[in-house]
PDB file of N, CA and C in Angstrom:
ATOM      1  N   MET A   1       0.860  -1.171  -0.019  1.00  0.00           N
ATOM      2  CA  MET A   1       0.000  -0.007   0.005  1.00  0.00           C
ATOM      3  C   MET A   1       0.884   1.229   0.002  1.00  0.00           C
ATOM      4  N   ALA A   2       0.606   2.164  -0.841  1.00  0.00           N
ATOM      5  CA  ALA A   2       1.412   3.411  -0.965  1.00  0.00           C
ATOM      6  C   ALA A   2       1.203   4.305   0.262  1.00  0.00           C
ATOM      7  N   GLN A   3       2.297   4.936   0.663  1.00  0.00           N
ATOM      8  CA  GLN A   3       2.224   5.853   1.783  1.00  0.00           C
ATOM      9  C   GLN A   3       1.613   7.185   1.313  1.00  0.00           C
ATOM     10  N   PRO A   4       0.738   7.785   2.122  1.00  0.00           N
ATOM     11  CA  PRO A   4       0.173   9.079   1.779  1.00  0.00           C
ATOM     12  C   PRO A   4       1.259  10.148   1.666  1.00  0.00           C
ATOM     13  N   THR A   5       1.128  11.050   0.738  1.00  0.00           N
ATOM     14  CA  THR A   5       2.084  12.129   0.560  1.00  0.00           C
ATOM     15  C   THR A   5       1.620  13.341   1.349  1.00  0.00           C
ATOM     16  N   GLN A   6       2.527  14.296   1.517  1.00  0.00           N
ATOM     17  CA  GLN A   6       2.167  15.554   2.220  1.00  0.00           C
ATOM     18  C   GLN A   6       1.054  16.241   1.473  1.00  0.00           C
ATOM     19  N   ALA A   7       1.018  16.167   0.138  1.00  0.00           N
ATOM     20  CA  ALA A   7      -0.029  16.824  -0.628  1.00  0.00           C
ATOM     21  C   ALA A   7      -1.364  16.155  -0.335  1.00  0.00           C
ATOM     22  N   ASN A   8      -1.364  14.823  -0.204  1.00  0.00           N
ATOM     23  CA  ASN A   8      -2.623  14.135   0.145  1.00  0.00           C
ATOM     24  C   ASN A   8      -3.098  14.545   1.519  1.00  0.00           C
ATOM     25  N   PHE A   9      -2.156  14.675   2.453  1.00  0.00           N
ATOM     26  CA  PHE A   9      -2.514  15.089   3.817  1.00  0.00           C
ATOM     27  C   PHE A   9      -3.089  16.498   3.786  1.00  0.00           C
ATOM     28  N   ASN A  10      -2.418  17.405   3.040  1.00  0.00           N
ATOM     29  CA  ASN A  10      -2.885  18.792   2.970  1.00  0.00           C
ATOM     30  C   ASN A  10      -4.261  18.860   2.297  1.00  0.00           C
ATOM     31  N   ASN A  11      -4.506  18.021   1.257  1.00  0.00           N
ATOM     32  CA  ASN A  11      -5.808  17.992   0.628  1.00  0.00           C
ATOM     33  C   ASN A  11      -6.883  17.499   1.606  1.00  0.00           C
ATOM     34  N   LEU A  12      -6.512  16.508   2.415  1.00  0.00           N
ATOM     35  CA  LEU A  12      -7.444  16.022   3.431  1.00  0.00           C
ATOM     36  C   LEU A  12      -7.779  17.088   4.439  1.00  0.00           C
ATOM     37  N   ILE A  13      -6.765  17.829   4.912  1.00  0.00           N
ATOM     38  CA  ILE A  13      -6.970  18.907   5.865  1.00  0.00           C
ATOM     39  C   ILE A  13      -7.894  19.966   5.260  1.00  0.00           C
ATOM     40  N   ALA A  14      -7.623  20.345   3.994  1.00  0.00           N
ATOM     41  CA  ALA A  14      -8.452  21.362   3.331  1.00  0.00           C
ATOM     42  C   ALA A  14      -9.891  20.880   3.176  1.00  0.00           C
ATOM     43  N   GLY A  15     -10.032  19.615   2.797  1.00  0.00           N
ATOM     44  CA  GLY A  15     -11.369  19.024   2.662  1.00  0.00           C
ATOM     45  C   GLY A  15     -12.141  19.019   3.968  1.00  0.00           C
ATOM     46  N   LEU A  16     -11.431  18.682   5.032  1.00  0.00           N
ATOM     47  CA  LEU A  16     -12.073  18.698   6.355  1.00  0.00           C
ATOM     48  C   LEU A  16     -12.466  20.100   6.783  1.00  0.00           C
ATOM     49  N   GLY A  17     -11.626  21.089   6.424  1.00  0.00           N
ATOM     50  CA  GLY A  17     -11.943  22.466   6.734  1.00  0.00           C
ATOM     51  C   GLY A  17     -13.210  22.908   5.986  1.00  0.00           C
ATOM     52  N   GLN A  18     -13.319  22.492   4.713  1.00  0.00           N
ATOM     53  CA  GLN A  18     -14.503  22.845   3.953  1.00  0.00           C
ATOM     54  C   GLN A  18     -15.745  22.148   4.497  1.00  0.00           C
ATOM     55  N   LEU A  19     -15.584  20.891   4.920  1.00  0.00           N
ATOM     56  CA  LEU A  19     -16.716  20.155   5.511  1.00  0.00           C
ATOM     57  C   LEU A  19     -17.156  20.849   6.823  1.00  0.00           C
ATOM     58  N   THR A  20     -16.181  21.263   7.616  1.00  0.00           N
ATOM     59  CA  THR A  20     -16.510  21.944   8.856  1.00  0.00           C
ATOM     60  C   THR A  20     -17.274  23.225   8.604  1.00  0.00           C
ATOM     61  N   ALA A  21     -16.831  23.997   7.594  1.00  0.00           N
ATOM     62  CA  ALA A  21     -17.514  25.238   7.259  1.00  0.00           C
ATOM     63  C   ALA A  21     -18.939  24.984   6.800  1.00  0.00           C
ATOM     64  N   ALA A  22     -19.110  23.904   6.000  1.00  0.00           N
ATOM     65  CA  ALA A  22     -20.448  23.582   5.513  1.00  0.00           C
ATOM     66  C   ALA A  22     -21.368  23.192   6.664  1.00  0.00           C
ATOM     67  N   ILE A  23     -20.826  22.433   7.608  1.00  0.00           N
ATOM     68  CA  ILE A  23     -21.632  22.015   8.776  1.00  0.00           C
ATOM     69  C   ILE A  23     -22.012  23.241   9.606  1.00  0.00           C
ATOM     70  N   GLN A  24     -21.052  24.122   9.815  1.00  0.00           N
ATOM     71  CA  GLN A  24     -21.323  25.330  10.592  1.00  0.00           C
ATOM     72  C   GLN A  24     -22.360  26.218   9.914  1.00  0.00           C
ATOM     73  N   ALA A  25     -22.319  26.289   8.576  1.00  0.00           N
ATOM     74  CA  ALA A  25     -23.302  27.067   7.834  1.00  0.00           C
ATOM     75  C   ALA A  25     -24.690  26.437   7.983  1.00  0.00           C
ATOM     76  N   GLN A  26     -24.739  25.108   7.948  1.00  0.00           N
ATOM     77  CA  GLN A  26     -26.031  24.424   8.104  1.00  0.00           C
ATOM     78  C   GLN A  26     -26.595  24.640   9.496  1.00  0.00           C
ATOM     79  N   VAL A  27     -25.754  24.582  10.490  1.00  0.00           N
ATOM     80  CA  VAL A  27     -26.227  24.789  11.884  1.00  0.00           C
ATOM     81  C   VAL A  27     -26.746  26.240  12.006  1.00  0.00           C
ATOM     82  N   ALA A  28     -26.078  27.193  11.392  1.00  0.00           N
ATOM     83  CA  ALA A  28     -26.496  28.582  11.481  1.00  0.00           C
ATOM     84  C   ALA A  28     -27.891  28.790  10.905  1.00  0.00           C
ATOM     85  N   THR A  29     -28.252  28.003   9.883  1.00  0.00           N
ATOM     86  CA  THR A  29     -29.577  28.141   9.303  1.00  0.00           C
ATOM     87  C   THR A  29     -30.661  27.524  10.196  1.00  0.00           C
ATOM     88  N   MET A  30     -30.277  26.712  11.134  1.00  0.00           N
ATOM     89  CA  MET A  30     -31.260  26.046  11.990  1.00  0.00           C
ATOM     90  C   MET A  30     -31.539  26.845  13.269  1.00  0.00           C
ATOM     91  N   VAL A  31     -30.777  27.903  13.545  1.00  0.00           N
ATOM     92  CA  VAL A  31     -30.986  28.702  14.722  1.00  0.00           C
ATOM     93  C   VAL A  31     -32.204  29.576  14.488  1.00  0.00           C
ATOM     94  N   PRO A  32     -33.203  29.459  15.344  1.00  0.00           N
ATOM     95  CA  PRO A  32     -34.424  30.265  15.138  1.00  0.00           C
ATOM     96  C   PRO A  32     -34.212  31.748  15.353  1.00  0.00           C
ATOM     97  N   ALA A  33     -34.949  32.567  14.598  1.00  0.00           N
ATOM     98  CA  ALA A  33     -34.901  33.999  14.779  1.00  0.00           C
ATOM     99  C   ALA A  33     -35.698  34.365  16.002  1.00  0.00           C
ATOM    100  N   VAL A  34     -35.200  35.286  16.819  1.00  0.00           N
ATOM    101  CA  VAL A  34     -35.862  35.706  18.013  1.00  0.00           C
ATOM    102  C   VAL A  34     -35.932  37.207  18.012  1.00  0.00           C
ATOM    103  N   SER A  35     -37.114  37.765  18.255  1.00  0.00           N
ATOM    104  CA  SER A  35     -37.217  39.220  18.316  1.00  0.00           C
ATOM    105  C   SER A  35     -36.495  39.715  19.541  1.00  0.00           C
ATOM    106  N   GLY A  36     -35.808  40.843  19.384  1.00  0.00           N
ATOM    107  CA  GLY A  36     -35.092  41.429  20.506  1.00  0.00           C
ATOM    108  C   GLY A  36     -33.633  41.051  20.501  1.00  0.00           C
ATOM    109  N   GLY A  37     -33.185  40.251  19.617  1.00  0.00           N
ATOM    110  CA  GLY A  37     -31.751  39.967  19.571  1.00  0.00           C
ATOM    111  C   GLY A  37     -31.485  38.513  19.224  1.00  0.00           C
ATOM    112  N   PRO A  38     -30.275  38.209  18.923  1.00  0.00           N
ATOM    113  CA  PRO A  38     -29.881  36.861  18.534  1.00  0.00           C
ATOM    114  C   PRO A  38     -29.820  35.918  19.731  1.00  0.00           C
ATOM    115  N   ILE A  39     -29.963  34.636  19.429  1.00  0.00           N
ATOM    116  CA  ILE A  39     -29.759  33.618  20.456  1.00  0.00           C
ATOM    117  C   ILE A  39     -28.246  33.379  20.554  1.00  0.00           C
ATOM    118  N   VAL A  40     -27.753  33.318  21.728  1.00  0.00           N
ATOM    119  CA  VAL A  40     -26.323  33.008  21.929  1.00  0.00           C
ATOM    120  C   VAL A  40     -26.264  31.532  22.298  1.00  0.00           C
ATOM    121  N   LEU A  41     -25.589  30.791  21.494  1.00  0.00           N
ATOM    122  CA  LEU A  41     -25.445  29.358  21.732  1.00  0.00           C
ATOM    123  C   LEU A  41     -24.151  29.097  22.454  1.00  0.00           C
ATOM    124  N   ALA A  42     -24.184  28.196  23.401  1.00  0.00           N
ATOM    125  CA  ALA A  42     -22.953  27.765  24.056  1.00  0.00           C
ATOM    126  C   ALA A  42     -22.234  26.830  23.082  1.00  0.00           C
ATOM    127  N   VAL A  43     -21.026  27.161  22.763  1.00  0.00           N
ATOM    128  CA  VAL A  43     -20.259  26.371  21.777  1.00  0.00           C
ATOM    129  C   VAL A  43     -19.169  25.651  22.482  1.00  0.00           C
ATOM    130  N   HIS A  44     -19.129  24.353  22.246  1.00  0.00           N
ATOM    131  CA  HIS A  44     -18.084  23.520  22.793  1.00  0.00           C
ATOM    132  C   HIS A  44     -17.032  23.320  21.702  1.00  0.00           C
ATOM    133  N   GLU A  45     -15.816  23.710  21.947  1.00  0.00           N
ATOM    134  CA  GLU A  45     -14.788  23.528  20.927  1.00  0.00           C
ATOM    135  C   GLU A  45     -14.462  22.058  20.772  1.00  0.00           C
ATOM    136  N   THR A  46     -14.362  21.618  19.566  1.00  0.00           N
ATOM    137  CA  THR A  46     -14.124  20.237  19.277  1.00  0.00           C
ATOM    138  C   THR A  46     -12.890  20.118  18.380  1.00  0.00           C
ATOM    139  N   SER A  47     -12.042  19.193  18.760  1.00  0.00           N
ATOM    140  CA  SER A  47     -10.896  18.880  17.897  1.00  0.00           C
ATOM    141  C   SER A  47     -11.303  17.755  16.954  1.00  0.00           C
ATOM    142  N   PHE A  48     -11.181  18.026  15.662  1.00  0.00           N
ATOM    143  CA  PHE A  48     -11.556  17.023  14.674  1.00  0.00           C
ATOM    144  C   PHE A  48     -10.389  16.111  14.367  1.00  0.00           C
ATOM    145  N   ILE A  49      -9.180  16.626  14.544  1.00  0.00           N
ATOM    146  CA  ILE A  49      -7.971  15.864  14.261  1.00  0.00           C
ATOM    147  C   ILE A  49      -7.095  15.897  15.499  1.00  0.00           C
ATOM    148  N   ARG A  50      -6.568  14.765  15.884  1.00  0.00           N
ATOM    149  CA  ARG A  50      -5.757  14.653  17.082  1.00  0.00           C
ATOM    150  C   ARG A  50      -4.320  15.142  16.808  1.00  0.00           C
ATOM    151  N   ILE A  51      -3.759  15.800  17.817  1.00  0.00           N
ATOM    152  CA  ILE A  51      -2.374  16.288  17.740  1.00  0.00           C
ATOM    153  C   ILE A  51      -1.515  15.362  18.576  1.00  0.00           C
ATOM    154  N   ASP A  52      -0.458  14.829  17.986  1.00  0.00           N
ATOM    155  CA  ASP A  52       0.487  13.979  18.724  1.00  0.00           C
ATOM    156  C   ASP A  52       1.401  14.893  19.566  1.00  0.00           C
ATOM    157  N   SER A  53       1.791  14.361  20.713  1.00  0.00           N
ATOM    158  CA  SER A  53       2.713  15.102  21.576  1.00  0.00           C
ATOM    159  C   SER A  53       4.145  15.034  21.021  1.00  0.00           C
ATOM    160  N   PHE A  54       4.952  16.022  21.424  1.00  0.00           N
ATOM    161  CA  PHE A  54       6.364  16.043  21.047  1.00  0.00           C
ATOM    162  C   PHE A  54       7.161  15.745  22.311  1.00  0.00           C
ATOM    163  N   TYR A  55       7.973  14.683  22.239  1.00  0.00           N
ATOM    164  CA  TYR A  55       8.682  14.220  23.447  1.00  0.00           C
ATOM    165  C   TYR A  55      10.134  14.653  23.535  1.00  0.00           C
ATOM    166  N   ASP A  56      10.903  14.412  22.479  1.00  0.00           N
ATOM    167  CA  ASP A  56      12.317  14.691  22.583  1.00  0.00           C
ATOM    168  C   ASP A  56      12.972  14.758  21.187  1.00  0.00           C
ATOM    169  N   ASP A  57      14.294  14.828  21.215  1.00  0.00           N
ATOM    170  CA  ASP A  57      15.013  15.007  19.968  1.00  0.00           C
ATOM    171  C   ASP A  57      15.084  13.768  19.077  1.00  0.00           C
ATOM    172  N   SER A  58      14.456  12.662  19.517  1.00  0.00           N
ATOM    173  CA  SER A  58      14.377  11.503  18.644  1.00  0.00           C
ATOM    174  C   SER A  58      13.285  11.717  17.573  1.00  0.00           C
ATOM    175  N   GLN A  59      12.445  12.746  17.777  1.00  0.00           N
ATOM    176  CA  GLN A  59      11.426  13.102  16.802  1.00  0.00           C
ATOM    177  C   GLN A  59      11.921  14.266  15.961  1.00  0.00           C
ATOM    178  N   ASP A  60      11.365  14.384  14.777  1.00  0.00           N
ATOM    179  CA  ASP A  60      11.746  15.487  13.868  1.00  0.00           C
ATOM    180  C   ASP A  60      10.891  16.718  14.259  1.00  0.00           C
ATOM    181  N   LEU A  61      11.533  17.742  14.819  1.00  0.00           N
ATOM    182  CA  LEU A  61      10.855  18.935  15.298  1.00  0.00           C
ATOM    183  C   LEU A  61      10.137  19.652  14.186  1.00  0.00           C
ATOM    184  N   ILE A  62      10.801  19.793  13.023  1.00  0.00           N
ATOM    185  CA  ILE A  62      10.214  20.556  11.905  1.00  0.00           C
ATOM    186  C   ILE A  62       8.933  19.842  11.418  1.00  0.00           C
ATOM    187  N   SER A  63       8.970  18.523  11.289  1.00  0.00           N
ATOM    188  CA  SER A  63       7.771  17.782  10.865  1.00  0.00           C
ATOM    189  C   SER A  63       6.655  17.931  11.877  1.00  0.00           C
ATOM    190  N   TRP A  64       7.046  17.874  13.175  1.00  0.00           N
ATOM    191  CA  TRP A  64       6.002  17.998  14.230  1.00  0.00           C
ATOM    192  C   TRP A  64       5.393  19.381  14.192  1.00  0.00           C
ATOM    193  N   LEU A  65       6.207  20.402  14.010  1.00  0.00           N
ATOM    194  CA  LEU A  65       5.662  21.781  13.943  1.00  0.00           C
ATOM    195  C   LEU A  65       4.719  21.937  12.739  1.00  0.00           C
ATOM    196  N   LYS A  66       5.101  21.343  11.608  1.00  0.00           N
ATOM    197  CA  LYS A  66       4.248  21.435  10.422  1.00  0.00           C
ATOM    198  C   LYS A  66       2.900  20.716  10.705  1.00  0.00           C
ATOM    199  N   ASP A  67       3.018  19.534  11.294  1.00  0.00           N
ATOM    200  CA  ASP A  67       1.777  18.788  11.620  1.00  0.00           C
ATOM    201  C   ASP A  67       0.928  19.564  12.641  1.00  0.00           C
ATOM    202  N   PHE A  68       1.562  20.162  13.645  1.00  0.00           N
ATOM    203  CA  PHE A  68       0.865  20.932  14.658  1.00  0.00           C
ATOM    204  C   PHE A  68       0.125  22.110  13.970  1.00  0.00           C
ATOM    205  N   LYS A  69       0.806  22.781  13.088  1.00  0.00           N
ATOM    206  CA  LYS A  69       0.214  23.917  12.388  1.00  0.00           C
ATOM    207  C   LYS A  69      -0.958  23.470  11.534  1.00  0.00           C
ATOM    208  N   ASN A  70      -0.786  22.381  10.800  1.00  0.00           N
ATOM    209  CA  ASN A  70      -1.850  21.904   9.917  1.00  0.00           C
ATOM    210  C   ASN A  70      -3.077  21.429  10.755  1.00  0.00           C
ATOM    211  N   VAL A  71      -2.826  20.725  11.835  1.00  0.00           N
ATOM    212  CA  VAL A  71      -3.909  20.195  12.643  1.00  0.00           C
ATOM    213  C   VAL A  71      -4.632  21.334  13.356  1.00  0.00           C
ATOM    214  N   THR A  72      -3.879  22.257  13.922  1.00  0.00           N
ATOM    215  CA  THR A  72      -4.557  23.381  14.640  1.00  0.00           C
ATOM    216  C   THR A  72      -5.292  24.290  13.676  1.00  0.00           C
ATOM    217  N   THR A  73      -4.795  24.437  12.461  1.00  0.00           N
ATOM    218  CA  THR A  73      -5.504  25.208  11.456  1.00  0.00           C
ATOM    219  C   THR A  73      -6.794  24.500  11.040  1.00  0.00           C
ATOM    220  N   ALA A  74      -6.721  23.188  10.862  1.00  0.00           N
ATOM    221  CA  ALA A  74      -7.919  22.408  10.502  1.00  0.00           C
ATOM    222  C   ALA A  74      -8.944  22.460  11.629  1.00  0.00           C
ATOM    223  N   ASN A  75      -8.466  22.505  12.869  1.00  0.00           N
ATOM    224  CA  ASN A  75      -9.336  22.580  14.036  1.00  0.00           C
ATOM    225  C   ASN A  75      -9.777  24.004  14.329  1.00  0.00           C
ATOM    226  N   ARG A  76      -9.365  24.927  13.458  1.00  0.00           N
ATOM    227  CA  ARG A  76      -9.764  26.351  13.484  1.00  0.00           C
ATOM    228  C   ARG A  76      -9.293  27.063  14.774  1.00  0.00           C
ATOM    229  N   LEU A  77      -8.101  26.759  15.228  1.00  0.00           N
ATOM    230  CA  LEU A  77      -7.558  27.467  16.368  1.00  0.00           C
ATOM    231  C   LEU A  77      -6.905  28.753  15.894  1.00  0.00           C
ATOM    232  N   THR A  78      -7.105  29.813  16.627  1.00  0.00           N
ATOM    233  CA  THR A  78      -6.424  31.069  16.329  1.00  0.00           C
ATOM    234  C   THR A  78      -4.965  30.977  16.763  1.00  0.00           C
ATOM    235  N   ASN A  79      -4.167  31.959  16.358  1.00  0.00           N
ATOM    236  CA  ASN A  79      -2.781  31.915  16.782  1.00  0.00           C
ATOM    237  C   ASN A  79      -2.659  31.990  18.275  1.00  0.00           C
ATOM    238  N   ASN A  80      -3.499  32.815  18.919  1.00  0.00           N
ATOM    239  CA  ASN A  80      -3.501  32.861  20.434  1.00  0.00           C
ATOM    240  C   ASN A  80      -3.834  31.533  21.022  1.00  0.00           C
ATOM    241  N   GLN A  81      -4.833  30.841  20.481  1.00  0.00           N
ATOM    242  CA  GLN A  81      -5.218  29.537  21.001  1.00  0.00           C
ATOM    243  C   GLN A  81      -4.083  28.518  20.796  1.00  0.00           C
ATOM    244  N   LYS A  82      -3.388  28.628  19.664  1.00  0.00           N
ATOM    245  CA  LYS A  82      -2.271  27.694  19.430  1.00  0.00           C
ATOM    246  C   LYS A  82      -1.212  27.871  20.475  1.00  0.00           C
ATOM    247  N   LEU A  83      -0.923  29.125  20.837  1.00  0.00           N
ATOM    248  CA  LEU A  83       0.088  29.405  21.860  1.00  0.00           C
ATOM    249  C   LEU A  83      -0.374  28.929  23.216  1.00  0.00           C
ATOM    250  N   GLN A  84      -1.668  28.944  23.449  1.00  0.00           N
ATOM    251  CA  GLN A  84      -2.192  28.443  24.742  1.00  0.00           C
ATOM    252  C   GLN A  84      -2.113  26.925  24.848  1.00  0.00           C
ATOM    253  N   VAL A  85      -2.311  26.203  23.745  1.00  0.00           N
ATOM    254  CA  VAL A  85      -2.402  24.759  23.823  1.00  0.00           C
ATOM    255  C   VAL A  85      -1.062  24.050  23.594  1.00  0.00           C
ATOM    256  N   VAL A  86      -0.127  24.720  22.925  1.00  0.00           N
ATOM    257  CA  VAL A  86       1.123  24.041  22.561  1.00  0.00           C
ATOM    258  C   VAL A  86       1.827  23.452  23.793  1.00  0.00           C
ATOM    259  N   PRO A  87       1.870  24.109  24.962  1.00  0.00           N
ATOM    260  CA  PRO A  87       2.565  23.504  26.104  1.00  0.00           C
ATOM    261  C   PRO A  87       1.978  22.116  26.521  1.00  0.00           C
ATOM    262  N   ALA A  88       0.696  21.907  26.272  1.00  0.00           N
ATOM    263  CA  ALA A  88       0.089  20.644  26.629  1.00  0.00           C
ATOM    264  C   ALA A  88       0.590  19.489  25.764  1.00  0.00           C
ATOM    265  N   TYR A  89       1.182  19.789  24.613  1.00  0.00           N
ATOM    266  CA  TYR A  89       1.668  18.756  23.724  1.00  0.00           C
ATOM    267  C   TYR A  89       3.171  18.550  23.776  1.00  0.00           C
ATOM    268  N   LEU A  90       3.847  19.351  24.631  1.00  0.00           N
ATOM    269  CA  LEU A  90       5.269  19.195  24.820  1.00  0.00           C
ATOM    270  C   LEU A  90       5.496  18.390  26.082  1.00  0.00           C
ATOM    271  N   LYS A  91       6.290  17.358  25.979  1.00  0.00           N
ATOM    272  CA  LYS A  91       6.511  16.455  27.109  1.00  0.00           C
ATOM    273  C   LYS A  91       7.995  16.376  27.508  1.00  0.00           C
ATOM    274  N   ARG A  92       8.243  15.899  28.685  1.00  0.00           N
ATOM    275  CA  ARG A  92       9.566  15.635  29.242  1.00  0.00           C
ATOM    276  C   ARG A  92      10.430  16.880  29.185  1.00  0.00           C
ATOM    277  N   ALA A  93      11.688  16.752  28.735  1.00  0.00           N
ATOM    278  CA  ALA A  93      12.658  17.861  28.748  1.00  0.00           C
ATOM    279  C   ALA A  93      12.169  19.026  27.871  1.00  0.00           C
ATOM    280  N   VAL A  94      11.453  18.704  26.791  1.00  0.00           N
ATOM    281  CA  VAL A  94      10.984  19.749  25.901  1.00  0.00           C
ATOM    282  C   VAL A  94      10.001  20.664  26.645  1.00  0.00           C
ATOM    283  N   ALA A  95       9.150  20.080  27.456  1.00  0.00           N
ATOM    284  CA  ALA A  95       8.193  20.885  28.234  1.00  0.00           C
ATOM    285  C   ALA A  95       8.914  21.774  29.213  1.00  0.00           C
ATOM    286  N   THR A  96       9.956  21.229  29.851  1.00  0.00           N
ATOM    287  CA  THR A  96      10.748  22.006  30.797  1.00  0.00           C
ATOM    288  C   THR A  96      11.410  23.153  30.116  1.00  0.00           C
ATOM    289  N   TRP A  97      12.036  22.885  28.947  1.00  0.00           N
ATOM    290  CA  TRP A  97      12.711  23.917  28.184  1.00  0.00           C
ATOM    291  C   TRP A  97      11.722  25.028  27.776  1.00  0.00           C
ATOM    292  N   PHE A  98      10.513  24.643  27.369  1.00  0.00           N
ATOM    293  CA  PHE A  98       9.547  25.623  26.894  1.00  0.00           C
ATOM    294  C   PHE A  98       9.105  26.596  28.002  1.00  0.00           C
ATOM    295  N   VAL A  99       8.956  26.110  29.214  1.00  0.00           N
ATOM    296  CA  VAL A  99       8.507  26.986  30.302  1.00  0.00           C
ATOM    297  C   VAL A  99       9.633  27.838  30.841  1.00  0.00           C
ATOM    298  N   GLU A 100      10.829  27.431  30.646  1.00  0.00           N
ATOM    299  CA  GLU A 100      12.009  28.204  31.159  1.00  0.00           C
ATOM    300  C   GLU A 100      12.329  29.212  30.121  1.00  0.00           C
TER     301      GLU A 100
END
């Protein structure tokens, strides 16, 4: 079986982003109109794609950063949100280095 290429992965991420936008648009059409103002819905953030943790120098940092960027973009995280969550994915000595 052939290994997926980076282009295939990027196409998958883009397709998932389009699917997410279509679902969000569909949900927006189902919100009833209310006189006096809009309904505010409680939104639970959902990760559609899992982010692997980064442990140490046995992993390729550049590849991990690219994957992190692609996954967080697909999950629609803002740059501020990315900075808030990245420490949770850094483990062992890398986590210690990041906080210092």
